[in-house]
Amino acid sequence: METNQRSNSRRKFKYYLPVVEFNTLEVFGYLVDISPTGFRLEVSKPHGVTRDYTLRIDLPAEISPKPYISFVARVMWVRADPIDSFAFHEGYKVTKIAPADEEIFTKMMAQYSKAAGQN
């Protein structure tokens, strides 16, 4: 399935961090795990596969003095949550991000995520 196509292993995100649509600021989904080139969201309604979305993550002050990062990400796959019938999981590939935001994304991944099997 999707793990066969992924070139970087994802790391579980420690917090239920909202990701919002850049223009409307509406919650798009919640960050579940992250890798250097993508992430997985938990969403209440599925988005279009292979579609690109401009998204934003508001940042805690300890990560950056910048209030948020923005990027374009493509939905690579969607699947229903096996436990919650009202939730879906979506895998995203970051397709466009400014170098400064990419640096913050990497720092955020290192500081707020944990490898599989860690508590």
PDB file of N, CA and C in Angstrom:
ATOM      1  N   MET A   1       0.854  -1.187   0.000  1.00  0.00           N
ATOM      2  CA  MET A   1       0.000   0.000   0.000  1.00  0.00           C
ATOM      3  C   MET A   1       0.891   1.239   0.000  1.00  0.00           C
ATOM      4  N   GLU A   2       0.530   2.305   0.729  1.00  0.00           N
ATOM      5  CA  GLU A   2       1.278   3.537   0.653  1.00  0.00           C
ATOM      6  C   GLU A   2       2.701   3.426   1.187  1.00  0.00           C
ATOM      7  N   THR A   3       2.981   2.509   2.127  1.00  0.00           N
ATOM      8  CA  THR A   3       4.322   2.375   2.660  1.00  0.00           C
ATOM      9  C   THR A   3       5.293   1.864   1.605  1.00  0.00           C
ATOM     10  N   ASN A   4       4.815   1.156   0.597  1.00  0.00           N
ATOM     11  CA  ASN A   4       5.679   0.668  -0.462  1.00  0.00           C
ATOM     12  C   ASN A   4       6.176   1.804  -1.354  1.00  0.00           C
ATOM     13  N   GLN A   5       5.444   2.882  -1.462  1.00  0.00           N
ATOM     14  CA  GLN A   5       5.814   3.984  -2.332  1.00  0.00           C
ATOM     15  C   GLN A   5       6.600   5.065  -1.606  1.00  0.00           C
ATOM     16  N   ARG A   6       6.617   5.060  -0.292  1.00  0.00           N
ATOM     17  CA  ARG A   6       7.255   6.105   0.488  1.00  0.00           C
ATOM     18  C   ARG A   6       8.757   5.868   0.550  1.00  0.00           C
ATOM     19  N   SER A   7       9.552   6.896   0.279  1.00  0.00           N
ATOM     20  CA  SER A   7      10.999   6.754   0.324  1.00  0.00           C
ATOM     21  C   SER A   7      11.579   7.148   1.675  1.00  0.00           C
ATOM     22  N   ASN A   8      10.833   7.889   2.484  1.00  0.00           N
ATOM     23  CA  ASN A   8      11.278   8.294   3.815  1.00  0.00           C
ATOM     24  C   ASN A   8      10.297   7.767   4.846  1.00  0.00           C
ATOM     25  N   SER A   9      10.818   7.233   5.955  1.00  0.00           N
ATOM     26  CA  SER A   9       9.909   6.732   6.979  1.00  0.00           C
ATOM     27  C   SER A   9       9.280   7.899   7.733  1.00  0.00           C
ATOM     28  N   ARG A  10       8.026   7.732   8.038  1.00  0.00           N
ATOM     29  CA  ARG A  10       7.303   8.761   8.782  1.00  0.00           C
ATOM     30  C   ARG A  10       7.540   8.586  10.265  1.00  0.00           C
ATOM     31  N   ARG A  11       7.420   9.699  10.976  1.00  0.00           N
ATOM     32  CA  ARG A  11       7.560   9.695  12.426  1.00  0.00           C
ATOM     33  C   ARG A  11       6.249  10.187  13.027  1.00  0.00           C
ATOM     34  N   LYS A  12       5.791   9.513  14.058  1.00  0.00           N
ATOM     35  CA  LYS A  12       4.536   9.867  14.724  1.00  0.00           C
ATOM     36  C   LYS A  12       4.674  11.248  15.351  1.00  0.00           C
ATOM     37  N   PHE A  13       3.687  12.104  15.125  1.00  0.00           N
ATOM     38  CA  PHE A  13       3.712  13.450  15.680  1.00  0.00           C
ATOM     39  C   PHE A  13       3.147  13.407  17.091  1.00  0.00           C
ATOM     40  N   LYS A  14       3.791  14.090  18.031  1.00  0.00           N
ATOM     41  CA  LYS A  14       3.431  14.009  19.448  1.00  0.00           C
ATOM     42  C   LYS A  14       2.167  14.781  19.808  1.00  0.00           C
ATOM     43  N   TYR A  15       1.788  15.761  19.001  1.00  0.00           N
ATOM     44  CA  TYR A  15       0.651  16.616  19.321  1.00  0.00           C
ATOM     45  C   TYR A  15      -0.386  16.537  18.206  1.00  0.00           C
ATOM     46  N   TYR A  16      -1.615  16.839  18.540  1.00  0.00           N
ATOM     47  CA  TYR A  16      -2.710  16.863  17.575  1.00  0.00           C
ATOM     48  C   TYR A  16      -2.739  18.268  16.969  1.00  0.00           C
ATOM     49  N   LEU A  17      -1.829  18.533  16.031  1.00  0.00           N
ATOM     50  CA  LEU A  17      -1.619  19.865  15.483  1.00  0.00           C
ATOM     51  C   LEU A  17      -2.512  20.105  14.265  1.00  0.00           C
ATOM     52  N   PRO A  18      -3.311  21.183  14.281  1.00  0.00           N
ATOM     53  CA  PRO A  18      -4.159  21.458  13.114  1.00  0.00           C
ATOM     54  C   PRO A  18      -3.355  21.987  11.933  1.00  0.00           C
ATOM     55  N   VAL A  19      -3.765  21.583  10.756  1.00  0.00           N
ATOM     56  CA  VAL A  19      -3.250  22.106   9.492  1.00  0.00           C
ATOM     57  C   VAL A  19      -4.442  22.801   8.844  1.00  0.00           C
ATOM     58  N   VAL A  20      -4.250  24.042   8.406  1.00  0.00           N
ATOM     59  CA  VAL A  20      -5.373  24.811   7.876  1.00  0.00           C
ATOM     60  C   VAL A  20      -5.167  25.116   6.396  1.00  0.00           C
ATOM     61  N   GLU A  21      -6.278  25.355   5.701  1.00  0.00           N
ATOM     62  CA  GLU A  21      -6.232  25.782   4.302  1.00  0.00           C
ATOM     63  C   GLU A  21      -5.747  27.227   4.316  1.00  0.00           C
ATOM     64  N   PHE A  22      -4.772  27.544   3.494  1.00  0.00           N
ATOM     65  CA  PHE A  22      -4.081  28.825   3.550  1.00  0.00           C
ATOM     66  C   PHE A  22      -5.003  30.030   3.394  1.00  0.00           C
ATOM     67  N   ASN A  23      -5.894  30.010   2.415  1.00  0.00           N
ATOM     68  CA  ASN A  23      -6.725  31.186   2.131  1.00  0.00           C
ATOM     69  C   ASN A  23      -7.892  31.355   3.089  1.00  0.00           C
ATOM     70  N   THR A  24      -8.555  30.270   3.457  1.00  0.00           N
ATOM     71  CA  THR A  24      -9.754  30.374   4.295  1.00  0.00           C
ATOM     72  C   THR A  24      -9.453  30.253   5.787  1.00  0.00           C
ATOM     73  N   LEU A  25      -8.282  29.690   6.123  1.00  0.00           N
ATOM     74  CA  LEU A  25      -7.877  29.401   7.505  1.00  0.00           C
ATOM     75  C   LEU A  25      -8.788  28.383   8.188  1.00  0.00           C
ATOM     76  N   GLU A  26      -9.562  27.645   7.392  1.00  0.00           N
ATOM     77  CA  GLU A  26     -10.386  26.575   7.937  1.00  0.00           C
ATOM     78  C   GLU A  26      -9.514  25.356   8.194  1.00  0.00           C
ATOM     79  N   VAL A  27      -9.825  24.642   9.280  1.00  0.00           N
ATOM     80  CA  VAL A  27      -9.056  23.447   9.600  1.00  0.00           C
ATOM     81  C   VAL A  27      -9.224  22.436   8.480  1.00  0.00           C
ATOM     82  N   PHE A  28      -8.105  21.995   7.940  1.00  0.00           N
ATOM     83  CA  PHE A  28      -8.066  21.044   6.830  1.00  0.00           C
ATOM     84  C   PHE A  28      -7.959  19.624   7.370  1.00  0.00           C
ATOM     85  N   GLY A  29      -7.232  19.476   8.482  1.00  0.00           N
ATOM     86  CA  GLY A  29      -7.025  18.189   9.114  1.00  0.00           C
ATOM     87  C   GLY A  29      -6.045  18.337  10.261  1.00  0.00           C
ATOM     88  N   TYR A  30      -5.717  17.210  10.889  1.00  0.00           N
ATOM     89  CA  TYR A  30      -4.806  17.211  12.030  1.00  0.00           C
ATOM     90  C   TYR A  30      -3.612  16.316  11.732  1.00  0.00           C
ATOM     91  N   LEU A  31      -2.425  16.838  12.005  1.00  0.00           N
ATOM     92  CA  LEU A  31      -1.188  16.129  11.719  1.00  0.00           C
ATOM     93  C   LEU A  31      -1.064  14.880  12.580  1.00  0.00           C
ATOM     94  N   VAL A  32      -0.846  13.737  11.931  1.00  0.00           N
ATOM     95  CA  VAL A  32      -0.707  12.453  12.623  1.00  0.00           C
ATOM     96  C   VAL A  32       0.745  12.004  12.608  1.00  0.00           C
ATOM     97  N   ASP A  33       1.368  12.032  11.431  1.00  0.00           N
ATOM     98  CA  ASP A  33       2.785  11.723  11.346  1.00  0.00           C
ATOM     99  C   ASP A  33       3.424  12.530  10.233  1.00  0.00           C
ATOM    100  N   ILE A  34       4.765  12.516  10.211  1.00  0.00           N
ATOM    101  CA  ILE A  34       5.506  13.444   9.368  1.00  0.00           C
ATOM    102  C   ILE A  34       6.800  12.792   8.889  1.00  0.00           C
ATOM    103  N   SER A  35       7.240  13.175   7.704  1.00  0.00           N
ATOM    104  CA  SER A  35       8.537  12.742   7.172  1.00  0.00           C
ATOM    105  C   SER A  35       9.184  13.970   6.529  1.00  0.00           C
ATOM    106  N   PRO A  36      10.413  13.857   6.077  1.00  0.00           N
ATOM    107  CA  PRO A  36      11.049  15.022   5.441  1.00  0.00           C
ATOM    108  C   PRO A  36      10.320  15.515   4.185  1.00  0.00           C
ATOM    109  N   THR A  37       9.544  14.664   3.538  1.00  0.00           N
ATOM    110  CA  THR A  37       8.896  15.071   2.284  1.00  0.00           C
ATOM    111  C   THR A  37       7.376  15.009   2.305  1.00  0.00           C
ATOM    112  N   GLY A  38       6.784  14.647   3.431  1.00  0.00           N
ATOM    113  CA  GLY A  38       5.334  14.536   3.480  1.00  0.00           C
ATOM    114  C   GLY A  38       4.801  14.330   4.878  1.00  0.00           C
ATOM    115  N   PHE A  39       3.524  14.028   4.944  1.00  0.00           N
ATOM    116  CA  PHE A  39       2.864  13.874   6.239  1.00  0.00           C
ATOM    117  C   PHE A  39       1.538  13.161   6.042  1.00  0.00           C
ATOM    118  N   ARG A  40       0.935  12.762   7.160  1.00  0.00           N
ATOM    119  CA  ARG A  40      -0.390  12.143   7.139  1.00  0.00           C
ATOM    120  C   ARG A  40      -1.304  12.983   8.016  1.00  0.00           C
ATOM    121  N   LEU A  41      -2.507  13.227   7.517  1.00  0.00           N
ATOM    122  CA  LEU A  41      -3.518  13.967   8.265  1.00  0.00           C
ATOM    123  C   LEU A  41      -4.679  13.058   8.613  1.00  0.00           C
ATOM    124  N   GLU A  42      -5.315  13.348   9.741  1.00  0.00           N
ATOM    125  CA  GLU A  42      -6.620  12.784  10.065  1.00  0.00           C
ATOM    126  C   GLU A  42      -7.620  13.867   9.698  1.00  0.00           C
ATOM    127  N   VAL A  43      -8.626  13.507   8.890  1.00  0.00           N
ATOM    128  CA  VAL A  43      -9.606  14.476   8.402  1.00  0.00           C
ATOM    129  C   VAL A  43     -11.022  13.951   8.621  1.00  0.00           C
ATOM    130  N   SER A  44     -11.979  14.876   8.636  1.00  0.00           N
ATOM    131  CA  SER A  44     -13.373  14.459   8.812  1.00  0.00           C
ATOM    132  C   SER A  44     -14.054  14.176   7.478  1.00  0.00           C
ATOM    133  N   LYS A  45     -13.535  14.742   6.398  1.00  0.00           N
ATOM    134  CA  LYS A  45     -14.058  14.421   5.064  1.00  0.00           C
ATOM    135  C   LYS A  45     -12.860  14.324   4.120  1.00  0.00           C
ATOM    136  N   PRO A  46     -12.877  13.346   3.229  1.00  0.00           N
ATOM    137  CA  PRO A  46     -11.728  13.162   2.340  1.00  0.00           C
ATOM    138  C   PRO A  46     -11.628  14.265   1.286  1.00  0.00           C
ATOM    139  N   HIS A  47     -10.395  14.561   0.909  1.00  0.00           N
ATOM    140  CA  HIS A  47     -10.112  15.538  -0.137  1.00  0.00           C
ATOM    141  C   HIS A  47      -9.758  14.784  -1.413  1.00  0.00           C
ATOM    142  N   GLY A  48      -9.691  15.465  -2.515  1.00  0.00           N
ATOM    143  CA  GLY A  48      -9.423  14.832  -3.802  1.00  0.00           C
ATOM    144  C   GLY A  48      -8.004  14.294  -3.937  1.00  0.00           C
ATOM    145  N   VAL A  49      -7.886  13.017  -4.258  1.00  0.00           N
ATOM    146  CA  VAL A  49      -6.576  12.400  -4.458  1.00  0.00           C
ATOM    147  C   VAL A  49      -5.916  13.006  -5.693  1.00  0.00           C
ATOM    148  N   THR A  50      -4.622  13.173  -5.615  1.00  0.00           N
ATOM    149  CA  THR A  50      -3.744  13.789  -6.619  1.00  0.00           C
ATOM    150  C   THR A  50      -4.036  15.276  -6.822  1.00  0.00           C
ATOM    151  N   ARG A  51      -4.770  15.863  -5.931  1.00  0.00           N
ATOM    152  CA  ARG A  51      -5.011  17.314  -5.975  1.00  0.00           C
ATOM    153  C   ARG A  51      -3.996  18.020  -5.103  1.00  0.00           C
ATOM    154  N   ASP A  52      -3.597  19.221  -5.498  1.00  0.00           N
ATOM    155  CA  ASP A  52      -2.687  20.041  -4.711  1.00  0.00           C
ATOM    156  C   ASP A  52      -3.485  21.046  -3.888  1.00  0.00           C
ATOM    157  N   TYR A  53      -3.020  21.260  -2.667  1.00  0.00           N
ATOM    158  CA  TYR A  53      -3.655  22.218  -1.761  1.00  0.00           C
ATOM    159  C   TYR A  53      -2.573  23.109  -1.155  1.00  0.00           C
ATOM    160  N   THR A  54      -2.901  24.383  -0.984  1.00  0.00           N
ATOM    161  CA  THR A  54      -1.995  25.296  -0.291  1.00  0.00           C
ATOM    162  C   THR A  54      -2.416  25.298   1.175  1.00  0.00           C
ATOM    163  N   LEU A  55      -1.485  24.882   2.027  1.00  0.00           N
ATOM    164  CA  LEU A  55      -1.783  24.671   3.443  1.00  0.00           C
ATOM    165  C   LEU A  55      -0.868  25.514   4.323  1.00  0.00           C
ATOM    166  N   ARG A  56      -1.241  25.579   5.584  1.00  0.00           N
ATOM    167  CA  ARG A  56      -0.496  26.388   6.550  1.00  0.00           C
ATOM    168  C   ARG A  56      -0.503  25.667   7.896  1.00  0.00           C
ATOM    169  N   ILE A  57       0.628  25.761   8.595  1.00  0.00           N
ATOM    170  CA  ILE A  57       0.729  25.251   9.962  1.00  0.00           C
ATOM    171  C   ILE A  57       1.175  26.409  10.841  1.00  0.00           C
ATOM    172  N   ASP A  58       0.354  26.739  11.841  1.00  0.00           N
ATOM    173  CA  ASP A  58       0.737  27.764  12.803  1.00  0.00           C
ATOM    174  C   ASP A  58       1.793  27.180  13.727  1.00  0.00           C
ATOM    175  N   LEU A  59       2.800  27.996  14.041  1.00  0.00           N
ATOM    176  CA  LEU A  59       3.968  27.499  14.766  1.00  0.00           C
ATOM    177  C   LEU A  59       4.010  27.953  16.216  1.00  0.00           C
ATOM    178  N   PRO A  60       4.430  27.054  17.112  1.00  0.00           N
ATOM    179  CA  PRO A  60       4.692  27.469  18.486  1.00  0.00           C
ATOM    180  C   PRO A  60       5.935  28.365  18.515  1.00  0.00           C
ATOM    181  N   ALA A  61       5.983  29.289  19.448  1.00  0.00           N
ATOM    182  CA  ALA A  61       7.094  30.246  19.536  1.00  0.00           C
ATOM    183  C   ALA A  61       8.444  29.565  19.729  1.00  0.00           C
ATOM    184  N   GLU A  62       8.472  28.400  20.382  1.00  0.00           N
ATOM    185  CA  GLU A  62       9.764  27.736  20.615  1.00  0.00           C
ATOM    186  C   GLU A  62      10.358  27.139  19.335  1.00  0.00           C
ATOM    187  N   ILE A  63       9.561  26.983  18.300  1.00  0.00           N
ATOM    188  CA  ILE A  63      10.065  26.482  17.017  1.00  0.00           C
ATOM    189  C   ILE A  63      10.625  27.622  16.178  1.00  0.00           C
ATOM    190  N   SER A  64       9.889  28.735  16.126  1.00  0.00           N
ATOM    191  CA  SER A  64      10.300  29.829  15.249  1.00  0.00           C
ATOM    192  C   SER A  64       9.597  31.120  15.658  1.00  0.00           C
ATOM    193  N   PRO A  65      10.274  32.247  15.468  1.00  0.00           N
ATOM    194  CA  PRO A  65       9.581  33.520  15.695  1.00  0.00           C
ATOM    195  C   PRO A  65       8.546  33.797  14.599  1.00  0.00           C
ATOM    196  N   LYS A  66       8.663  33.074  13.491  1.00  0.00           N
ATOM    197  CA  LYS A  66       7.702  33.188  12.396  1.00  0.00           C
ATOM    198  C   LYS A  66       6.375  32.573  12.845  1.00  0.00           C
ATOM    199  N   PRO A  67       5.240  33.216  12.568  1.00  0.00           N
ATOM    200  CA  PRO A  67       3.970  32.699  13.085  1.00  0.00           C
ATOM    201  C   PRO A  67       3.465  31.425  12.412  1.00  0.00           C
ATOM    202  N   TYR A  68       3.881  31.162  11.162  1.00  0.00           N
ATOM    203  CA  TYR A  68       3.399  29.971  10.457  1.00  0.00           C
ATOM    204  C   TYR A  68       4.335  29.645   9.293  1.00  0.00           C
ATOM    205  N   ILE A  69       4.179  28.421   8.784  1.00  0.00           N
ATOM    206  CA  ILE A  69       4.805  28.049   7.514  1.00  0.00           C
ATOM    207  C   ILE A  69       3.686  27.714   6.545  1.00  0.00           C
ATOM    208  N   SER A  70       3.959  27.893   5.271  1.00  0.00           N
ATOM    209  CA  SER A  70       2.977  27.520   4.242  1.00  0.00           C
ATOM    210  C   SER A  70       3.687  26.703   3.170  1.00  0.00           C
ATOM    211  N   PHE A  71       2.903  25.903   2.473  1.00  0.00           N
ATOM    212  CA  PHE A  71       3.449  25.005   1.463  1.00  0.00           C
ATOM    213  C   PHE A  71       2.319  24.462   0.613  1.00  0.00           C
ATOM    214  N   VAL A  72       2.674  23.869  -0.507  1.00  0.00           N
ATOM    215  CA  VAL A  72       1.718  23.171  -1.361  1.00  0.00           C
ATOM    216  C   VAL A  72       1.948  21.685  -1.153  1.00  0.00           C
ATOM    217  N   ALA A  73       0.867  20.947  -0.954  1.00  0.00           N
ATOM    218  CA  ALA A  73       0.970  19.497  -0.745  1.00  0.00           C
ATOM    219  C   ALA A  73      -0.076  18.787  -1.596  1.00  0.00           C
ATOM    220  N   ARG A  74       0.282  17.601  -2.042  1.00  0.00           N
ATOM    221  CA  ARG A  74      -0.595  16.791  -2.894  1.00  0.00           C
ATOM    222  C   ARG A  74      -1.094  15.580  -2.115  1.00  0.00           C
ATOM    223  N   VAL A  75      -2.399  15.332  -2.198  1.00  0.00           N
ATOM    224  CA  VAL A  75      -2.980  14.134  -1.581  1.00  0.00           C
ATOM    225  C   VAL A  75      -2.555  12.929  -2.415  1.00  0.00           C
ATOM    226  N   MET A  76      -1.863  11.988  -1.788  1.00  0.00           N
ATOM    227  CA  MET A  76      -1.374  10.808  -2.497  1.00  0.00           C
ATOM    228  C   MET A  76      -2.283   9.599  -2.291  1.00  0.00           C
ATOM    229  N   TRP A  77      -2.950   9.540  -1.156  1.00  0.00           N
ATOM    230  CA  TRP A  77      -3.860   8.427  -0.874  1.00  0.00           C
ATOM    231  C   TRP A  77      -4.828   8.826   0.231  1.00  0.00           C
ATOM    232  N   VAL A  78      -5.964   8.143   0.269  1.00  0.00           N
ATOM    233  CA  VAL A  78      -6.998   8.350   1.285  1.00  0.00           C
ATOM    234  C   VAL A  78      -7.498   6.983   1.724  1.00  0.00           C
ATOM    235  N   ARG A  79      -7.742   6.828   3.023  1.00  0.00           N
ATOM    236  CA  ARG A  79      -8.361   5.591   3.503  1.00  0.00           C
ATOM    237  C   ARG A  79      -9.206   5.904   4.739  1.00  0.00           C
ATOM    238  N   ALA A  80     -10.240   5.125   4.925  1.00  0.00           N
ATOM    239  CA  ALA A  80     -11.114   5.289   6.085  1.00  0.00           C
ATOM    240  C   ALA A  80     -10.367   4.884   7.349  1.00  0.00           C
ATOM    241  N   ASP A  81     -10.653   5.566   8.444  1.00  0.00           N
ATOM    242  CA  ASP A  81     -10.074   5.198   9.736  1.00  0.00           C
ATOM    243  C   ASP A  81     -10.671   3.859  10.154  1.00  0.00           C
ATOM    244  N   PRO A  82      -9.855   2.892  10.567  1.00  0.00           N
ATOM    245  CA  PRO A  82     -10.391   1.574  10.911  1.00  0.00           C
ATOM    246  C   PRO A  82     -11.221   1.557  12.199  1.00  0.00           C
ATOM    247  N   ILE A  83     -11.081   2.588  13.037  1.00  0.00           N
ATOM    248  CA  ILE A  83     -11.791   2.619  14.322  1.00  0.00           C
ATOM    249  C   ILE A  83     -12.934   3.632  14.308  1.00  0.00           C
ATOM    250  N   ASP A  84     -12.659   4.829  13.835  1.00  0.00           N
ATOM    251  CA  ASP A  84     -13.642   5.911  13.828  1.00  0.00           C
ATOM    252  C   ASP A  84     -14.276   6.008  12.438  1.00  0.00           C
ATOM    253  N   SER A  85     -15.540   5.637  12.335  1.00  0.00           N
ATOM    254  CA  SER A  85     -16.206   5.627  11.029  1.00  0.00           C
ATOM    255  C   SER A  85     -16.449   7.027  10.469  1.00  0.00           C
ATOM    256  N   PHE A  86     -16.197   8.074  11.261  1.00  0.00           N
ATOM    257  CA  PHE A  86     -16.378   9.449  10.802  1.00  0.00           C
ATOM    258  C   PHE A  86     -15.058  10.118  10.439  1.00  0.00           C
ATOM    259  N   ALA A  87     -13.963   9.362  10.444  1.00  0.00           N
ATOM    260  CA  ALA A  87     -12.640   9.942  10.173  1.00  0.00           C
ATOM    261  C   ALA A  87     -11.965   9.223   9.008  1.00  0.00           C
ATOM    262  N   PHE A  88     -11.053   9.935   8.386  1.00  0.00           N
ATOM    263  CA  PHE A  88     -10.258   9.408   7.286  1.00  0.00           C
ATOM    264  C   PHE A  88      -8.802   9.773   7.522  1.00  0.00           C
ATOM    265  N   HIS A  89      -7.910   9.011   6.919  1.00  0.00           N
ATOM    266  CA  HIS A  89      -6.489   9.333   6.932  1.00  0.00           C
ATOM    267  C   HIS A  89      -6.075   9.603   5.502  1.00  0.00           C
ATOM    268  N   GLU A  90      -5.251  10.668   5.330  1.00  0.00           N
ATOM    269  CA  GLU A  90      -4.768  11.031   4.007  1.00  0.00           C
ATOM    270  C   GLU A  90      -3.254  11.215   4.050  1.00  0.00           C
ATOM    271  N   GLY A  91      -2.574  10.675   3.051  1.00  0.00           N
ATOM    272  CA  GLY A  91      -1.133  10.853   2.922  1.00  0.00           C
ATOM    273  C   GLY A  91      -0.836  11.971   1.944  1.00  0.00           C
ATOM    274  N   TYR A  92       0.066  12.864   2.323  1.00  0.00           N
ATOM    275  CA  TYR A  92       0.415  14.032   1.513  1.00  0.00           C
ATOM    276  C   TYR A  92       1.900  14.053   1.185  1.00  0.00           C
ATOM    277  N   LYS A  93       2.199  14.541   0.009  1.00  0.00           N
ATOM    278  CA  LYS A  93       3.570  14.798  -0.410  1.00  0.00           C
ATOM    279  C   LYS A  93       3.712  16.309  -0.552  1.00  0.00           C
ATOM    280  N   VAL A  94       4.716  16.894   0.092  1.00  0.00           N
ATOM    281  CA  VAL A  94       4.963  18.328  -0.050  1.00  0.00           C
ATOM    282  C   VAL A  94       5.577  18.543  -1.430  1.00  0.00           C
ATOM    283  N   THR A  95       4.919  19.368  -2.259  1.00  0.00           N
ATOM    284  CA  THR A  95       5.388  19.590  -3.621  1.00  0.00           C
ATOM    285  C   THR A  95       6.061  20.938  -3.813  1.00  0.00           C
ATOM    286  N   LYS A  96       5.781  21.884  -2.911  1.00  0.00           N
ATOM    287  CA  LYS A  96       6.398  23.208  -3.033  1.00  0.00           C
ATOM    288  C   LYS A  96       6.450  23.842  -1.639  1.00  0.00           C
ATOM    289  N   ILE A  97       7.671  24.248  -1.255  1.00  0.00           N
ATOM    290  CA  ILE A  97       7.855  24.909   0.032  1.00  0.00           C
ATOM    291  C   ILE A  97       9.086  25.806  -0.063  1.00  0.00           C
ATOM    292  N   ALA A  98       9.002  26.982   0.509  1.00  0.00           N
ATOM    293  CA  ALA A  98      10.131  27.910   0.509  1.00  0.00           C
ATOM    294  C   ALA A  98      11.264  27.319   1.356  1.00  0.00           C
ATOM    295  N   PRO A  99      12.512  27.573   0.983  1.00  0.00           N
ATOM    296  CA  PRO A  99      13.642  27.018   1.745  1.00  0.00           C
ATOM    297  C   PRO A  99      13.590  27.332   3.249  1.00  0.00           C
ATOM    298  N   ALA A 100      13.220  28.549   3.619  1.00  0.00           N
ATOM    299  CA  ALA A 100      13.145  28.907   5.043  1.00  0.00           C
ATOM    300  C   ALA A 100      12.047  28.108   5.748  1.00  0.00           C
ATOM    301  N   ASP A 101      10.914  27.902   5.076  1.00  0.00           N
ATOM    302  CA  ASP A 101       9.832  27.111   5.667  1.00  0.00           C
ATOM    303  C   ASP A 101      10.204  25.633   5.725  1.00  0.00           C
ATOM    304  N   GLU A 102      10.951  25.157   4.748  1.00  0.00           N
ATOM    305  CA  GLU A 102      11.400  23.767   4.761  1.00  0.00           C
ATOM    306  C   GLU A 102      12.327  23.511   5.952  1.00  0.00           C
ATOM    307  N   GLU A 103      13.171  24.469   6.253  1.00  0.00           N
ATOM    308  CA  GLU A 103      14.062  24.354   7.416  1.00  0.00           C
ATOM    309  C   GLU A 103      13.244  24.262   8.704  1.00  0.00           C
ATOM    310  N   ILE A 104      12.207  25.066   8.821  1.00  0.00           N
ATOM    311  CA  ILE A 104      11.338  25.036  10.004  1.00  0.00           C
ATOM    312  C   ILE A 104      10.572  23.712  10.058  1.00  0.00           C
ATOM    313  N   PHE A 105      10.086  23.233   8.914  1.00  0.00           N
ATOM    314  CA  PHE A 105       9.374  21.954   8.828  1.00  0.00           C
ATOM    315  C   PHE A 105      10.267  20.827   9.354  1.00  0.00           C
ATOM    316  N   THR A 106      11.530  20.827   8.944  1.00  0.00           N
ATOM    317  CA  THR A 106      12.486  19.814   9.391  1.00  0.00           C
ATOM    318  C   THR A 106      12.742  19.926  10.893  1.00  0.00           C
ATOM    319  N   LYS A 107      12.877  21.141  11.391  1.00  0.00           N
ATOM    320  CA  LYS A 107      13.079  21.360  12.829  1.00  0.00           C
ATOM    321  C   LYS A 107      11.861  20.890  13.617  1.00  0.00           C
ATOM    322  N   MET A 108      10.684  21.200  13.102  1.00  0.00           N
ATOM    323  CA  MET A 108       9.442  20.788  13.753  1.00  0.00           C
ATOM    324  C   MET A 108       9.361  19.262  13.804  1.00  0.00           C
ATOM    325  N   MET A 109       9.733  18.603  12.712  1.00  0.00           N
ATOM    326  CA  MET A 109       9.715  17.149  12.666  1.00  0.00           C
ATOM    327  C   MET A 109      10.666  16.576  13.714  1.00  0.00           C
ATOM    328  N   ALA A 110      11.857  17.123  13.816  1.00  0.00           N
ATOM    329  CA  ALA A 110      12.850  16.626  14.769  1.00  0.00           C
ATOM    330  C   ALA A 110      12.421  16.854  16.216  1.00  0.00           C
ATOM    331  N   GLN A 111      11.809  17.999  16.498  1.00  0.00           N
ATOM    332  CA  GLN A 111      11.477  18.348  17.874  1.00  0.00           C
ATOM    333  C   GLN A 111      10.166  17.741  18.356  1.00  0.00           C
ATOM    334  N   TYR A 112       9.190  17.576  17.488  1.00  0.00           N
ATOM    335  CA  TYR A 112       7.859  17.160  17.925  1.00  0.00           C
ATOM    336  C   TYR A 112       7.404  15.789  17.454  1.00  0.00           C
ATOM    337  N   SER A 113       8.310  15.013  16.898  1.00  0.00           N
ATOM    338  CA  SER A 113       7.910  13.690  16.454  1.00  0.00           C
ATOM    339  C   SER A 113       8.767  12.642  17.121  1.00  0.00           C
ATOM    340  N   LYS A 114       8.295  11.407  17.026  1.00  0.00           N
ATOM    341  CA  LYS A 114       9.053  10.284  17.595  1.00  0.00           C
ATOM    342  C   LYS A 114       9.004   9.117  16.635  1.00  0.00           C
ATOM    343  N   ALA A 115      10.062   8.349  16.641  1.00  0.00           N
ATOM    344  CA  ALA A 115      10.128   7.182  15.761  1.00  0.00           C
ATOM    345  C   ALA A 115       9.101   6.154  16.202  1.00  0.00           C
ATOM    346  N   ALA A 116       8.677   5.329  15.281  1.00  0.00           N
ATOM    347  CA  ALA A 116       7.719   4.259  15.598  1.00  0.00           C
ATOM    348  C   ALA A 116       8.269   3.412  16.726  1.00  0.00           C
ATOM    349  N   GLY A 117       7.425   3.084  17.682  1.00  0.00           N
ATOM    350  CA  GLY A 117       7.830   2.260  18.816  1.00  0.00           C
ATOM    351  C   GLY A 117       8.304   3.039  20.023  1.00  0.00           C
ATOM    352  N   GLN A 118       8.574   4.352  19.871  1.00  0.00           N
ATOM    353  CA  GLN A 118       8.965   5.165  21.014  1.00  0.00           C
ATOM    354  C   GLN A 118       7.719   5.637  21.747  1.00  0.00           C
ATOM    355  N   ASN A 119       7.851   5.842  23.033  1.00  0.00           N
ATOM    356  CA  ASN A 119       6.726   6.372  23.824  1.00  0.00           C
ATOM    357  C   ASN A 119       6.863   7.845  24.042  1.00  0.00           C
TER     358      ASN A 119
END
